Amino acid sequence: MNVNAPSWFDIGSLDQIPKRGARLVKTPRRDIAVFRTAGDEVFALENRCPHRGGPLSDGIVHGRKVACPLHNLIVDLESGDAAGDGQGCARSFPVKIEKGRVYLEMSAAVRP
């Protein structure tokens, strides 16, 4: 067994994630927000705003960004970077879509 091999988890069909919205995936370690853009791109971030800890899954998705529901801080869905100097970064996770199913790789986050 390769301990460095990705651990992909099937989290459901693409249709279970609303366009321009998110679905919350609860794990023993953290909650992960899985976002779907209007163009059917899918991204995953830890469900915690890097600034004040708000639930990003409740935010408004516009383009490839989400606005935190607590104070409208903009977070990039691909990188997890928050807009503005010193605002931090949300941990991001790899996602893939195969045959209409969404898979989340949780063995290691892309960025802390």
C-alpha atoms as a PDB file:
ATOM      1  CA  MET A   1       0.000   0.000   0.000  1.00  0.00           C
ATOM      2  CA  ASN A   2       1.341   3.422  -0.954  1.00  0.00           C
ATOM      3  CA  VAL A   3       0.932   5.760   2.026  1.00  0.00           C
ATOM      4  CA  ASN A   4       1.368   8.761  -0.286  1.00  0.00           C
ATOM      5  CA  ALA A   5      -1.477   7.711  -2.596  1.00  0.00           C
ATOM      6  CA  PRO A   6      -4.435  10.101  -2.662  1.00  0.00           C
ATOM      7  CA  SER A   7      -7.518   9.129  -0.669  1.00  0.00           C
ATOM      8  CA  TRP A   8     -10.461  10.078  -2.872  1.00  0.00           C
ATOM      9  CA  PHE A   9     -13.922   9.995  -1.293  1.00  0.00           C
ATOM     10  CA  ASP A  10     -17.162   9.975  -3.273  1.00  0.00           C
ATOM     11  CA  ILE A  11     -19.294  12.746  -1.774  1.00  0.00           C
ATOM     12  CA  GLY A  12     -22.240  12.442  -4.169  1.00  0.00           C
ATOM     13  CA  SER A  13     -23.399  13.569  -7.556  1.00  0.00           C
ATOM     14  CA  LEU A  14     -22.659  16.971  -9.045  1.00  0.00           C
ATOM     15  CA  ASP A  15     -26.412  17.649  -9.032  1.00  0.00           C
ATOM     16  CA  GLN A  16     -26.401  17.546  -5.211  1.00  0.00           C
ATOM     17  CA  ILE A  17     -24.389  20.778  -5.152  1.00  0.00           C
ATOM     18  CA  PRO A  18     -26.467  23.787  -6.184  1.00  0.00           C
ATOM     19  CA  LYS A  19     -25.096  25.979  -8.966  1.00  0.00           C
ATOM     20  CA  ARG A  20     -23.575  29.122  -7.450  1.00  0.00           C
ATOM     21  CA  GLY A  21     -23.866  27.476  -4.056  1.00  0.00           C
ATOM     22  CA  ALA A  22     -22.253  24.972  -1.719  1.00  0.00           C
ATOM     23  CA  ARG A  23     -22.739  21.692   0.049  1.00  0.00           C
ATOM     24  CA  LEU A  24     -21.308  21.038   3.496  1.00  0.00           C
ATOM     25  CA  VAL A  25     -19.320  17.822   4.038  1.00  0.00           C
ATOM     26  CA  LYS A  26     -18.713  16.974   7.698  1.00  0.00           C
ATOM     27  CA  THR A  27     -15.640  14.920   8.554  1.00  0.00           C
ATOM     28  CA  PRO A  28     -14.196  13.919  11.932  1.00  0.00           C
ATOM     29  CA  ARG A  29     -11.420  16.514  11.538  1.00  0.00           C
ATOM     30  CA  ARG A  30     -13.195  19.474   9.949  1.00  0.00           C
ATOM     31  CA  ASP A  31     -16.160  20.675   7.940  1.00  0.00           C
ATOM     32  CA  ILE A  32     -15.501  21.179   4.246  1.00  0.00           C
ATOM     33  CA  ALA A  33     -17.542  23.423   1.948  1.00  0.00           C
ATOM     34  CA  VAL A  34     -17.787  22.081  -1.607  1.00  0.00           C
ATOM     35  CA  PHE A  35     -18.710  24.853  -4.041  1.00  0.00           C
ATOM     36  CA  ARG A  36     -20.144  24.719  -7.568  1.00  0.00           C
ATOM     37  CA  THR A  37     -19.857  27.670  -9.914  1.00  0.00           C
ATOM     38  CA  ALA A  38     -22.351  28.645 -12.611  1.00  0.00           C
ATOM     39  CA  GLY A  39     -19.964  26.994 -15.100  1.00  0.00           C
ATOM     40  CA  ASP A  40     -19.977  23.687 -13.146  1.00  0.00           C
ATOM     41  CA  GLU A  41     -16.479  24.075 -11.731  1.00  0.00           C
ATOM     42  CA  VAL A  42     -16.173  22.506  -8.276  1.00  0.00           C
ATOM     43  CA  PHE A  43     -13.881  23.649  -5.456  1.00  0.00           C
ATOM     44  CA  ALA A  44     -13.472  22.645  -1.818  1.00  0.00           C
ATOM     45  CA  LEU A  45     -12.395  24.798   1.116  1.00  0.00           C
ATOM     46  CA  GLU A  46     -12.422  24.331   4.844  1.00  0.00           C
ATOM     47  CA  ASN A  47     -15.766  25.758   5.948  1.00  0.00           C
ATOM     48  CA  ARG A  48     -14.190  28.548   7.959  1.00  0.00           C
ATOM     49  CA  CYS A  49     -13.521  32.110   6.893  1.00  0.00           C
ATOM     50  CA  PRO A  50      -9.843  32.881   7.524  1.00  0.00           C
ATOM     51  CA  HIS A  51     -10.748  36.271   9.000  1.00  0.00           C
ATOM     52  CA  ARG A  52     -13.558  35.720  11.507  1.00  0.00           C
ATOM     53  CA  GLY A  53     -14.373  32.021  11.187  1.00  0.00           C
ATOM     54  CA  GLY A  54     -17.720  32.427   9.425  1.00  0.00           C
ATOM     55  CA  PRO A  55     -19.265  29.432   7.611  1.00  0.00           C
ATOM     56  CA  LEU A  56     -18.167  29.865   3.986  1.00  0.00           C
ATOM     57  CA  SER A  57     -20.767  27.309   2.831  1.00  0.00           C
ATOM     58  CA  ASP A  58     -23.440  29.926   3.685  1.00  0.00           C
ATOM     59  CA  GLY A  59     -21.723  32.570   1.544  1.00  0.00           C
ATOM     60  CA  ILE A  60     -22.684  33.888  -1.868  1.00  0.00           C
ATOM     61  CA  VAL A  61     -20.773  32.377  -4.809  1.00  0.00           C
ATOM     62  CA  HIS A  62     -20.000  34.737  -7.665  1.00  0.00           C
ATOM     63  CA  GLY A  63     -17.659  33.617 -10.404  1.00  0.00           C
ATOM     64  CA  ARG A  64     -14.778  31.739  -8.767  1.00  0.00           C
ATOM     65  CA  LYS A  65     -15.136  33.510  -5.420  1.00  0.00           C
ATOM     66  CA  VAL A  66     -17.323  33.321  -2.323  1.00  0.00           C
ATOM     67  CA  ALA A  67     -18.316  36.142   0.024  1.00  0.00           C
ATOM     68  CA  CYS A  68     -18.252  35.304   3.723  1.00  0.00           C
ATOM     69  CA  PRO A  69     -21.785  35.583   5.147  1.00  0.00           C
ATOM     70  CA  LEU A  70     -20.570  37.380   8.300  1.00  0.00           C
ATOM     71  CA  HIS A  71     -18.770  40.354   6.809  1.00  0.00           C
ATOM     72  CA  ASN A  72     -18.514  39.888   3.008  1.00  0.00           C
ATOM     73  CA  LEU A  73     -14.799  39.089   2.922  1.00  0.00           C
ATOM     74  CA  ILE A  74     -14.095  37.678  -0.550  1.00  0.00           C
ATOM     75  CA  VAL A  75     -12.307  34.312  -0.719  1.00  0.00           C
ATOM     76  CA  ASP A  76     -10.921  32.828  -3.935  1.00  0.00           C
ATOM     77  CA  LEU A  77     -12.401  29.345  -4.451  1.00  0.00           C
ATOM     78  CA  GLU A  78      -9.357  27.929  -6.212  1.00  0.00           C
ATOM     79  CA  SER A  79      -6.587  29.145  -3.913  1.00  0.00           C
ATOM     80  CA  GLY A  80      -8.478  29.878  -0.697  1.00  0.00           C
ATOM     81  CA  ASP A  81      -6.801  33.291  -0.541  1.00  0.00           C
ATOM     82  CA  ALA A  82      -8.815  36.061   1.071  1.00  0.00           C
ATOM     83  CA  ALA A  83      -8.943  39.451  -0.617  1.00  0.00           C
ATOM     84  CA  GLY A  84      -6.917  42.175   1.044  1.00  0.00           C
ATOM     85  CA  ASP A  85      -3.563  42.212   2.748  1.00  0.00           C
ATOM     86  CA  GLY A  86      -3.196  40.055   5.824  1.00  0.00           C
ATOM     87  CA  GLN A  87      -6.653  38.501   5.630  1.00  0.00           C
ATOM     88  CA  GLY A  88      -5.370  34.903   5.517  1.00  0.00           C
ATOM     89  CA  CYS A  89      -6.175  31.823   3.547  1.00  0.00           C
ATOM     90  CA  ALA A  90      -8.799  29.080   3.794  1.00  0.00           C
ATOM     91  CA  ARG A  91      -7.451  25.531   3.495  1.00  0.00           C
ATOM     92  CA  SER A  92      -8.277  24.084   0.077  1.00  0.00           C
ATOM     93  CA  PHE A  93      -8.758  20.458  -0.953  1.00  0.00           C
ATOM     94  CA  PRO A  94      -8.411  18.736  -4.354  1.00  0.00           C
ATOM     95  CA  VAL A  95     -11.682  17.841  -6.090  1.00  0.00           C
ATOM     96  CA  LYS A  96     -12.401  15.842  -9.225  1.00  0.00           C
ATOM     97  CA  ILE A  97     -15.532  14.922 -11.148  1.00  0.00           C
ATOM     98  CA  GLU A  98     -15.870  11.518 -12.812  1.00  0.00           C
ATOM     99  CA  LYS A  99     -19.055  10.330 -14.527  1.00  0.00           C
ATOM    100  CA  GLY A 100     -21.106  12.987 -12.745  1.00  0.00           C
ATOM    101  CA  ARG A 101     -19.782  12.050  -9.285  1.00  0.00           C
ATOM    102  CA  VAL A 102     -17.761  14.433  -7.114  1.00  0.00           C
ATOM    103  CA  TYR A 103     -14.670  13.132  -5.338  1.00  0.00           C
ATOM    104  CA  LEU A 104     -12.864  14.924  -2.550  1.00  0.00           C
ATOM    105  CA  GLU A 105      -9.229  14.181  -1.678  1.00  0.00           C
ATOM    106  CA  MET A 106      -8.768  14.615   2.046  1.00  0.00           C
ATOM    107  CA  SER A 107      -5.448  12.953   2.850  1.00  0.00           C
ATOM    108  CA  ALA A 108      -3.672  16.320   2.736  1.00  0.00           C
ATOM    109  CA  ALA A 109      -4.857  19.841   2.209  1.00  0.00           C
ATOM    110  CA  VAL A 110      -3.388  21.808  -0.666  1.00  0.00           C
ATOM    111  CA  ARG A 111      -2.614  24.792   1.581  1.00  0.00           C
ATOM    112  CA  PRO A 112      -2.784  25.212   5.336  1.00  0.00           C
END
